[in-house]
Amino acid sequence: MPVPVVLFTSDLRLHDHPPLRAALEAADAVVPLFVRDDAVTAAGFAAPNRGAFLADCLADLDASLRERGGRLVVRSGDLVEEVCRVAGEAGADEVRMAAAHSRFATRREERLRRALEREGRRLLVHDAVTVAVPPGEVTPSSSDHFAVFTPYYRQWARAPLRAAVAAPRRVRVPDAVMGEPLPARGEVTGVSPALPAGGESEGRRRMTAYWRHGLDAYADTRDDLAADATSRLSAHLHFGTLSPVELVHRARRHGGPGAEALVRQLAWRDFHRQVLAARPGAARADYRTRHDRWRTGRTAEADIEAWKEGRTGYPVIDAAMRQLRHEGWMHNRARLLTASFLTKTLYVDWRVGAAHFLYWLVDGDVANNQLNWQWVAGTGTDTRPNRVLNPVTQARRYDPDGAYVRHWVPELEGVGAPAVHEPWKLPGPDRAALDYPDPVVGLAEGLERFRRARGRKDRP
């Protein structure tokens, strides 16, 4: 009986893994394969935080397979060449994998299909592995994708959801197919000091704990910066150590406003994937151009560096940017604030911010990162493209006691609320005692510049 190859990509788990389940139902043995693709590194996507998290994921996947009598085969090089080589060594007649949605991944998938067909083998691609509802499954009557979230969500919520499948009890891997040593987190340099652990076991532990102690309050607490009450499952969704299908099923069974809010966030994730699948150029180009002439030059570069380093003089912005570097993660509300500040208050190209986030974020992926940045910048799918988030107003609302700011900006640890959000207004001696910069720009000045650039004098 031929031995199929199961190619793992962004689906590094055993629970609810349709390609693996289908392969095991059709054969006595399989080859679970992961390829460390040279093209990912060449494209600049193999950032340290994701590299370290990936190492954890591969180690955990290998350990889980070994508990079931198998192992993970890891190869490095060109993905197409390595998959074809492994398929030849195994005598495989088919390769199974999860569907991909970015331009890079779909082109790679097509190259692999053609190469396998030349050798008389099949590539079988499974949908709804890395998303709950695949791109194209729900569409408006007049377009190939939804450009507005609310109508998309209405149809997404009514779409049939496949059943989640159990993890296999036994996985047999042929001895003849060998791999290379697993990468180790310790081999990766430049990793954020507080980067969380990766792997399916950790993801499921975190999911179970959140369902017990955080989900019911999610709708009320998810924007509270200091409470840190979000699920923190985004990295596990990015690497596929958790299944979005399983999460939707679990949340719907749990019920309640918190679960409904979480399901809506999972739909938002799918929404961006269907936009990117239909308009792959949106990874780099404006989805809806506003004909911006973004700031450049020496002053703009200095502002960008201050933003990256968390030295803008706006405490909530600086707190968020420092959290990003320290943890490789940032609270969702803080992502909105920092992106609005860069693109609208500083009027800097969204691609600058997206690249910085993509370097540091452990959950950084093209669809979520680029299209969320476009949404905030007003070049994406936001129906109010000229809205500007005031960092002081937002800080007072979502960090009213200043606990989030004081945690990440220790220079302000002795300043109480609400003054901690506007330290430049402190009396002279108190202000002079702080080793903290003045604002890089006044909010009124930044707002006027943005309105002028977008040709608007009215309120955005």
Protein backbone atom coordinates (compact mmCIF):
# COMPACT_ATOMS: atom_id res chain seq x y z
CA MET A 1 0.00 0.00 0.00
CA PRO A 2 1.42 3.44 -0.95
CA VAL A 3 2.43 5.70 1.93
CA PRO A 4 0.96 9.22 1.66
CA VAL A 5 2.87 12.33 2.72
CA VAL A 6 1.12 14.85 4.96
CA LEU A 7 2.76 18.24 4.55
CA PHE A 8 2.40 20.43 7.63
CA THR A 9 2.61 24.20 7.08
CA SER A 10 0.50 26.53 9.25
CA ASP A 11 -1.37 23.64 10.87
CA LEU A 12 1.10 22.30 13.44
CA ARG A 13 -1.27 20.12 15.46
CA LEU A 14 -2.80 16.66 15.69
CA HIS A 15 -6.26 17.63 16.96
CA ASP A 16 -8.71 18.50 14.17
CA HIS A 17 -6.29 17.90 11.33
CA PRO A 18 -8.30 16.76 8.27
CA PRO A 19 -5.30 16.07 5.97
CA LEU A 20 -3.72 13.75 8.54
CA ARG A 21 -7.04 12.07 9.32
CA ALA A 22 -7.76 11.42 5.63
CA ALA A 23 -4.26 10.03 5.04
CA LEU A 24 -4.51 7.65 8.00
CA GLU A 25 -7.91 6.43 6.85
CA ALA A 26 -6.47 5.56 3.44
CA ALA A 27 -3.15 3.95 4.46
CA ASP A 28 -1.42 2.00 7.21
CA ALA A 29 1.47 4.48 7.47
CA VAL A 30 2.08 8.13 6.63
CA VAL A 31 4.99 10.55 6.47
CA PRO A 32 4.30 13.69 8.56
CA LEU A 33 6.58 16.26 6.92
CA PHE A 34 7.58 19.82 7.66
CA VAL A 35 9.92 21.70 5.32
CA ARG A 36 11.92 24.69 6.53
CA ASP A 37 11.45 26.55 3.28
CA ASP A 38 14.38 28.65 2.08
CA ALA A 39 11.95 30.93 0.28
CA VAL A 40 10.36 31.98 3.58
CA THR A 41 13.74 33.13 4.83
CA ALA A 42 14.56 34.82 1.52
CA ALA A 43 11.28 36.73 1.69
CA GLY A 44 12.26 38.12 5.09
CA PHE A 45 9.43 36.39 6.90
CA ALA A 46 11.52 34.19 9.19
CA ALA A 47 11.74 36.73 12.02
CA PRO A 48 13.37 35.66 15.32
CA ASN A 49 10.23 35.55 17.46
CA ARG A 50 8.34 33.41 14.98
CA GLY A 51 11.41 31.25 14.44
CA ALA A 52 11.66 30.52 18.16
CA PHE A 53 7.93 29.86 18.48
CA LEU A 54 8.09 27.59 15.42
CA ALA A 55 10.88 25.57 17.02
CA ASP A 56 8.64 24.99 20.05
CA CYS A 57 5.76 23.97 17.78
CA LEU A 58 7.84 21.45 15.84
CA ALA A 59 9.29 19.94 19.01
CA ASP A 60 5.82 19.56 20.51
CA LEU A 61 4.38 18.08 17.31
CA ASP A 62 7.23 15.57 17.11
CA ALA A 63 6.73 14.60 20.77
CA SER A 64 2.98 14.08 20.22
CA LEU A 65 3.63 11.94 17.17
CA ARG A 66 6.19 9.86 19.08
CA GLU A 67 3.61 9.24 21.81
CA ARG A 68 1.51 7.67 19.06
CA GLY A 69 4.33 5.60 17.57
CA GLY A 70 5.39 8.07 14.88
CA ARG A 71 7.68 11.06 14.42
CA LEU A 72 7.95 14.30 12.47
CA VAL A 73 10.21 14.34 9.42
CA VAL A 74 11.88 17.75 9.05
CA ARG A 75 13.75 18.82 5.92
CA SER A 76 15.30 22.12 4.83
CA GLY A 77 15.60 23.66 1.39
CA ASP A 78 13.23 24.43 -1.46
CA LEU A 79 9.82 23.17 -0.34
CA VAL A 80 8.80 21.76 -3.72
CA GLU A 81 12.06 19.90 -4.19
CA GLU A 82 12.04 18.50 -0.66
CA VAL A 83 8.43 17.32 -0.80
CA CYS A 84 9.03 15.59 -4.12
CA ARG A 85 12.18 13.99 -2.72
CA VAL A 86 10.37 12.67 0.35
CA ALA A 87 7.46 11.44 -1.76
CA GLY A 88 9.92 9.49 -3.90
CA GLU A 89 11.67 7.99 -0.87
CA ALA A 90 8.32 6.93 0.62
CA GLY A 91 6.88 5.65 -2.65
CA ALA A 92 3.95 8.00 -2.09
CA ASP A 93 1.25 8.42 -4.68
CA GLU A 94 -0.25 11.46 -2.98
CA VAL A 95 0.61 14.44 -0.79
CA ARG A 96 -2.00 16.07 1.43
CA MET A 97 -1.87 19.58 2.85
CA ALA A 98 -4.01 22.46 4.11
CA ALA A 99 -5.17 25.15 1.69
CA ALA A 100 -3.25 28.42 1.72
CA HIS A 101 -4.50 31.92 0.98
CA SER A 102 -1.59 34.36 0.50
CA ARG A 103 -0.09 34.96 -2.92
CA PHE A 104 3.23 33.44 -1.80
CA ALA A 105 1.56 30.29 -0.45
CA THR A 106 -0.85 29.75 -3.34
CA ARG A 107 1.94 30.11 -5.90
CA ARG A 108 4.05 27.65 -3.93
CA GLU A 109 1.11 25.26 -3.78
CA GLU A 110 0.66 25.44 -7.54
CA ARG A 111 4.37 24.81 -8.15
CA LEU A 112 4.15 21.76 -5.91
CA ARG A 113 1.08 20.47 -7.73
CA ARG A 114 2.77 20.69 -11.12
CA ALA A 115 5.99 19.07 -9.86
CA LEU A 116 4.11 16.16 -8.28
CA GLU A 117 1.96 15.63 -11.37
CA ARG A 118 5.10 15.38 -13.51
CA GLU A 119 6.12 12.47 -11.28
CA GLY A 120 2.70 10.82 -11.46
CA ARG A 121 1.61 11.87 -7.96
CA ARG A 122 -1.37 13.87 -6.69
CA LEU A 123 -1.60 16.90 -4.45
CA LEU A 124 -4.78 16.87 -2.34
CA VAL A 125 -5.59 20.19 -0.65
CA HIS A 126 -8.00 20.46 2.28
CA ASP A 127 -10.03 23.60 2.96
CA ALA A 128 -11.14 24.87 6.40
CA VAL A 129 -7.96 23.80 8.18
CA THR A 130 -6.39 27.18 8.91
CA VAL A 131 -9.70 29.09 8.70
CA ALA A 132 -13.25 28.35 9.86
CA VAL A 133 -14.97 29.42 6.63
CA PRO A 134 -12.70 29.27 3.54
CA PRO A 135 -12.35 32.26 1.22
CA GLY A 136 -14.96 32.17 -1.53
CA GLU A 137 -17.43 30.04 0.40
CA VAL A 138 -19.56 33.08 1.15
CA THR A 139 -19.64 35.95 -1.35
CA PRO A 140 -21.90 38.91 -2.13
CA SER A 141 -24.00 38.78 -5.28
CA SER A 142 -21.99 41.49 -7.03
CA SER A 143 -18.37 40.63 -6.21
CA ASP A 144 -15.90 37.83 -5.58
CA HIS A 145 -15.41 38.92 -1.95
CA PHE A 146 -16.88 41.04 0.81
CA ALA A 147 -15.33 44.47 1.30
CA VAL A 148 -17.34 45.29 4.44
CA PHE A 149 -17.24 43.13 7.55
CA THR A 150 -20.82 43.37 8.85
CA PRO A 151 -22.56 41.78 5.83
CA TYR A 152 -19.72 39.27 5.61
CA TYR A 153 -20.23 38.28 9.23
CA ARG A 154 -23.96 37.74 8.73
CA GLN A 155 -23.29 35.21 5.98
CA TRP A 156 -20.24 33.75 7.73
CA ALA A 157 -22.33 33.03 10.82
CA ARG A 158 -24.86 31.10 8.72
CA ALA A 159 -22.29 29.13 6.75
CA PRO A 160 -22.04 25.39 7.51
CA LEU A 161 -19.07 24.49 9.67
CA ARG A 162 -17.40 21.14 9.18
CA ALA A 163 -17.18 18.83 12.18
CA ALA A 164 -13.92 18.86 14.13
CA VAL A 165 -12.02 15.56 14.00
CA ALA A 166 -10.26 13.87 16.90
CA ALA A 167 -6.51 13.49 17.15
CA PRO A 168 -5.29 10.07 15.92
CA ARG A 169 -4.49 7.40 18.47
CA ARG A 170 -1.76 5.78 16.36
CA VAL A 171 0.55 7.11 13.67
CA ARG A 172 3.01 4.78 11.95
CA VAL A 173 5.88 6.30 9.96
CA PRO A 174 8.10 4.20 7.66
CA ASP A 175 11.67 3.83 8.95
CA ALA A 176 13.19 4.44 5.51
CA VAL A 177 12.26 8.14 5.40
CA MET A 178 14.66 10.13 7.54
CA GLY A 179 14.75 13.76 8.55
CA GLU A 180 17.19 16.24 10.03
CA PRO A 181 17.44 17.32 13.68
CA LEU A 182 14.66 19.53 14.93
CA PRO A 183 15.44 23.23 15.29
CA ALA A 184 15.69 24.48 18.88
CA ARG A 185 14.46 27.75 20.35
CA GLY A 186 17.87 28.31 21.92
CA GLU A 187 19.48 28.45 18.47
CA VAL A 188 17.49 31.59 17.55
CA THR A 189 19.00 34.95 18.43
CA GLY A 190 17.23 38.29 18.83
CA VAL A 191 14.16 36.80 20.50
CA SER A 192 11.94 38.94 22.74
CA PRO A 193 12.76 38.28 26.42
CA ALA A 194 9.18 37.34 27.37
CA LEU A 195 8.19 35.48 24.22
CA PRO A 196 5.59 32.84 25.19
CA ALA A 197 6.06 29.12 24.64
CA GLY A 198 4.71 27.55 21.48
CA GLY A 199 3.28 24.18 20.57
CA GLU A 200 -0.09 22.44 20.50
CA SER A 201 0.15 21.28 24.11
CA GLU A 202 0.68 24.84 25.31
CA GLY A 203 -2.07 26.12 23.02
CA ARG A 204 -4.60 23.63 24.33
CA ARG A 205 -3.61 24.36 27.92
CA ARG A 206 -4.10 28.07 27.32
CA MET A 207 -7.41 27.49 25.54
CA THR A 208 -8.76 25.34 28.39
CA ALA A 209 -7.70 27.85 31.02
CA TYR A 210 -9.28 30.76 29.14
CA TRP A 211 -12.54 28.92 28.64
CA ARG A 212 -12.71 28.39 32.40
CA HIS A 213 -11.53 31.75 33.67
CA GLY A 214 -11.69 34.39 30.93
CA LEU A 215 -14.20 33.72 28.18
CA ASP A 216 -17.36 34.75 30.01
CA ALA A 217 -15.96 38.23 30.68
CA TYR A 218 -14.32 38.67 27.25
CA ALA A 219 -16.95 41.00 25.81
CA ASP A 220 -16.57 43.37 28.76
CA THR A 221 -12.81 43.19 29.37
CA ARG A 222 -11.14 42.65 25.99
CA ASP A 223 -10.33 46.37 25.56
CA ASP A 224 -9.01 46.83 29.11
CA LEU A 225 -5.29 47.35 28.57
CA ALA A 226 -4.16 46.67 32.13
CA ALA A 227 -6.45 43.66 32.70
CA ASP A 228 -4.72 41.64 29.97
CA ALA A 229 -8.01 39.78 29.58
CA THR A 230 -7.76 38.69 25.94
CA SER A 231 -7.26 35.01 25.06
CA ARG A 232 -3.70 35.38 23.74
CA LEU A 233 -4.45 32.56 21.32
CA SER A 234 -3.45 34.55 18.22
CA ALA A 235 0.01 32.99 17.86
CA HIS A 236 -1.49 29.51 18.16
CA LEU A 237 -3.97 30.34 15.43
CA HIS A 238 -1.18 31.70 13.24
CA PHE A 239 0.90 28.53 13.55
CA GLY A 240 -2.16 26.31 13.54
CA THR A 241 -1.50 24.67 16.88
CA LEU A 242 -5.17 25.39 17.53
CA SER A 243 -7.96 24.87 15.01
CA PRO A 244 -10.26 27.83 14.27
CA VAL A 245 -13.04 25.35 13.46
CA GLU A 246 -12.68 23.71 16.88
CA LEU A 247 -12.60 27.11 18.60
CA VAL A 248 -15.83 28.22 16.91
CA HIS A 249 -17.57 24.97 17.84
CA ARG A 250 -16.38 25.23 21.45
CA ALA A 251 -17.36 28.88 21.77
CA ARG A 252 -20.83 28.29 20.35
CA ARG A 253 -21.39 25.40 22.73
CA HIS A 254 -20.20 27.56 25.63
CA GLY A 255 -22.52 30.41 24.69
CA GLY A 256 -22.90 33.87 26.18
CA PRO A 257 -21.74 37.38 25.17
CA GLY A 258 -18.06 36.59 25.74
CA ALA A 259 -18.15 33.55 23.48
CA GLU A 260 -20.09 35.48 20.83
CA ALA A 261 -17.47 38.25 20.89
CA LEU A 262 -14.67 35.72 20.46
CA VAL A 263 -16.45 34.07 17.52
CA ARG A 264 -16.77 37.49 15.93
CA GLN A 265 -12.99 37.94 16.22
CA LEU A 266 -12.46 34.58 14.51
CA ALA A 267 -14.76 35.76 11.73
CA TRP A 268 -12.72 38.99 11.44
CA ARG A 269 -9.66 36.80 10.90
CA ASP A 270 -11.44 34.89 8.11
CA PHE A 271 -12.71 38.17 6.65
CA HIS A 272 -9.18 39.38 6.01
CA ARG A 273 -8.21 36.09 4.43
CA GLN A 274 -11.04 36.26 1.93
CA VAL A 275 -10.04 39.84 1.08
CA LEU A 276 -6.42 38.82 0.55
CA ALA A 277 -7.35 35.72 -1.44
CA ALA A 278 -9.36 37.89 -3.84
CA ARG A 279 -6.93 40.84 -3.85
CA PRO A 280 -3.45 39.45 -3.13
CA GLY A 281 -1.85 42.74 -4.09
CA ALA A 282 -3.31 44.27 -0.92
CA ALA A 283 -0.38 42.77 0.98
CA ARG A 284 1.71 45.64 -0.39
CA ALA A 285 -0.55 48.10 -2.21
CA ASP A 286 -3.46 50.18 -0.98
CA TYR A 287 -6.71 48.25 -1.14
CA ARG A 288 -8.48 51.58 -1.62
CA THR A 289 -6.06 54.34 -2.43
CA ARG A 290 -6.47 57.73 -0.77
CA HIS A 291 -3.67 59.17 -2.93
CA ASP A 292 -1.61 59.80 0.17
CA ARG A 293 1.72 61.56 -0.06
CA TRP A 294 3.16 60.13 3.12
CA ARG A 295 5.81 62.06 5.01
CA THR A 296 9.43 61.26 4.25
CA GLY A 297 12.74 62.90 5.06
CA ARG A 298 14.84 63.45 8.15
CA THR A 299 12.08 64.65 10.49
CA ALA A 300 9.77 61.81 9.49
CA GLU A 301 12.58 59.29 10.04
CA ALA A 302 13.19 60.68 13.52
CA ASP A 303 9.48 60.35 14.31
CA ILE A 304 9.47 56.77 13.04
CA GLU A 305 12.42 55.86 15.26
CA ALA A 306 10.76 57.45 18.27
CA TRP A 307 7.62 55.43 17.54
CA LYS A 308 9.55 52.17 17.17
CA GLU A 309 11.52 52.75 20.38
CA GLY A 310 8.55 53.82 22.49
CA ARG A 311 9.81 57.39 22.96
CA THR A 312 7.03 59.44 21.32
CA GLY A 313 6.10 61.28 24.51
CA TYR A 314 2.60 59.76 24.47
CA PRO A 315 2.65 57.21 27.31
CA VAL A 316 0.06 54.74 26.02
CA ILE A 317 1.77 54.61 22.61
CA ASP A 318 5.18 54.12 24.18
CA ALA A 319 3.87 51.46 26.56
CA ALA A 320 2.45 49.47 23.66
CA MET A 321 5.60 49.70 21.55
CA ARG A 322 7.73 48.53 24.47
CA GLN A 323 5.36 45.63 25.13
CA LEU A 324 5.78 44.61 21.48
CA ARG A 325 9.56 44.35 21.77
CA HIS A 326 9.51 42.64 25.16
CA GLU A 327 6.83 40.04 24.49
CA GLY A 328 6.60 39.75 20.72
CA TRP A 329 2.91 40.52 21.19
CA MET A 330 0.71 43.54 21.73
CA HIS A 331 -2.81 44.01 23.09
CA ASN A 332 -5.33 44.45 20.28
CA ARG A 333 -6.56 47.85 21.47
CA ALA A 334 -2.95 48.98 21.68
CA ARG A 335 -2.36 47.81 18.09
CA LEU A 336 -5.16 50.09 16.94
CA LEU A 337 -3.78 53.06 18.88
CA THR A 338 -0.17 52.69 17.73
CA ALA A 339 -1.20 52.18 14.11
CA SER A 340 -3.50 55.21 14.14
CA PHE A 341 -0.79 57.31 15.73
CA LEU A 342 1.79 56.38 13.08
CA THR A 343 -0.42 56.66 10.02
CA LYS A 344 -2.62 59.59 10.98
CA THR A 345 -1.04 61.63 13.76
CA LEU A 346 2.47 61.26 12.29
CA TYR A 347 1.17 60.69 8.73
CA VAL A 348 3.67 57.93 7.93
CA ASP A 349 3.09 55.19 5.35
CA TRP A 350 1.25 52.20 6.82
CA ARG A 351 3.79 49.86 5.19
CA VAL A 352 6.48 51.18 7.56
CA GLY A 353 4.42 50.19 10.57
CA ALA A 354 3.30 46.90 9.06
CA ALA A 355 6.91 45.87 8.44
CA HIS A 356 7.91 46.72 12.00
CA PHE A 357 5.00 44.76 13.43
CA LEU A 358 5.68 41.84 11.11
CA TYR A 359 9.24 41.67 12.39
CA TRP A 360 8.32 41.55 16.08
CA LEU A 361 4.88 39.95 16.28
CA VAL A 362 4.89 36.23 17.00
CA ASP A 363 1.37 36.09 15.54
CA GLY A 364 2.31 38.22 12.53
CA ASP A 365 0.86 37.02 9.25
CA VAL A 366 0.27 38.75 5.97
CA ALA A 367 -3.53 38.79 5.99
CA ASN A 368 -4.14 39.97 9.54
CA ASN A 369 -1.18 42.29 9.81
CA GLN A 370 -1.28 44.06 6.46
CA LEU A 371 -5.04 44.38 6.23
CA ASN A 372 -5.47 45.51 9.83
CA TRP A 373 -2.87 48.19 9.16
CA GLN A 374 -4.75 49.22 6.02
CA TRP A 375 -8.02 49.31 7.97
CA VAL A 376 -6.54 51.74 10.50
CA ALA A 377 -4.75 53.80 7.85
CA GLY A 378 -7.99 54.28 5.96
CA THR A 379 -6.72 52.57 2.80
CA GLY A 380 -8.46 49.28 3.58
CA THR A 381 -12.00 48.16 4.37
CA ASP A 382 -12.93 50.66 7.11
CA THR A 383 -16.13 52.48 6.19
CA ARG A 384 -14.84 55.53 8.12
CA PRO A 385 -11.38 55.86 6.57
CA ASN A 386 -10.56 59.24 8.11
CA ARG A 387 -11.25 58.44 11.76
CA VAL A 388 -8.36 59.33 14.06
CA LEU A 389 -7.91 57.71 17.48
CA ASN A 390 -6.84 60.23 20.11
CA PRO A 391 -4.23 58.45 22.28
CA VAL A 392 -5.01 60.51 25.39
CA THR A 393 -8.76 59.99 25.19
CA GLN A 394 -8.28 56.30 24.45
CA ALA A 395 -5.81 55.89 27.31
CA ARG A 396 -8.22 57.46 29.79
CA ARG A 397 -10.94 55.11 28.59
CA TYR A 398 -9.02 51.84 28.40
CA ASP A 399 -6.31 52.41 31.03
CA PRO A 400 -8.12 54.74 33.45
CA ASP A 401 -5.83 54.03 36.42
CA GLY A 402 -2.67 54.19 34.29
CA ALA A 403 -1.57 50.69 35.36
CA TYR A 404 -0.72 49.60 31.81
CA VAL A 405 1.33 52.71 31.16
CA ARG A 406 3.22 52.54 34.46
CA HIS A 407 4.04 48.85 33.90
CA TRP A 408 5.71 49.45 30.53
CA VAL A 409 6.97 53.02 31.06
CA PRO A 410 8.72 52.89 34.45
CA GLU A 411 9.86 56.49 34.04
CA LEU A 412 6.26 57.36 34.96
CA GLU A 413 5.79 54.91 37.82
CA GLY A 414 5.39 57.72 40.34
CA VAL A 415 2.78 59.61 38.34
CA GLY A 416 -0.89 58.96 39.13
CA ALA A 417 -3.90 58.99 36.87
CA PRO A 418 -5.05 60.90 34.94
CA ALA A 419 -1.80 62.92 34.81
CA VAL A 420 0.18 59.83 33.76
CA HIS A 421 -1.46 60.06 30.33
CA GLU A 422 -0.39 63.70 29.82
CA PRO A 423 2.89 64.11 31.73
CA TRP A 424 3.83 67.21 29.70
CA LYS A 425 1.11 69.06 31.62
CA LEU A 426 2.68 68.42 35.02
CA PRO A 427 3.95 71.45 36.99
CA GLY A 428 7.45 72.53 36.00
CA PRO A 429 9.50 70.85 38.78
CA ASP A 430 7.49 67.61 38.56
CA ARG A 431 7.86 67.53 34.78
CA ALA A 432 11.57 68.30 34.94
CA ALA A 433 12.13 65.39 37.32
CA LEU A 434 10.93 62.85 34.73
CA ASP A 435 13.36 61.20 32.33
CA TYR A 436 10.68 61.09 29.66
CA PRO A 437 10.48 62.94 26.33
CA ASP A 438 8.05 65.65 25.31
CA PRO A 439 5.51 64.71 22.60
CA VAL A 440 7.02 64.44 19.12
CA VAL A 441 4.04 66.39 17.79
CA GLY A 442 0.98 68.08 19.23
CA LEU A 443 -2.24 66.15 18.65
CA ALA A 444 -3.98 69.19 17.16
CA GLU A 445 -1.05 69.76 14.81
CA GLY A 446 -1.00 66.12 13.73
CA LEU A 447 -4.75 66.10 13.16
CA GLU A 448 -4.65 69.26 11.07
CA ARG A 449 -1.79 67.85 8.96
CA PHE A 450 -3.72 64.64 8.34
CA ARG A 451 -6.94 66.45 7.42
CA ARG A 452 -5.04 68.70 5.06
CA ALA A 453 -3.29 65.73 3.44
CA ARG A 454 -6.57 63.92 2.90
CA GLY A 455 -8.24 67.10 1.64
CA ARG A 456 -10.66 67.30 4.58
CA LYS A 457 -11.40 70.27 6.77
CA ASP A 458 -14.39 68.69 8.46
CA ARG A 459 -14.14 66.31 11.38
CA PRO A 460 -12.86 62.85 10.27
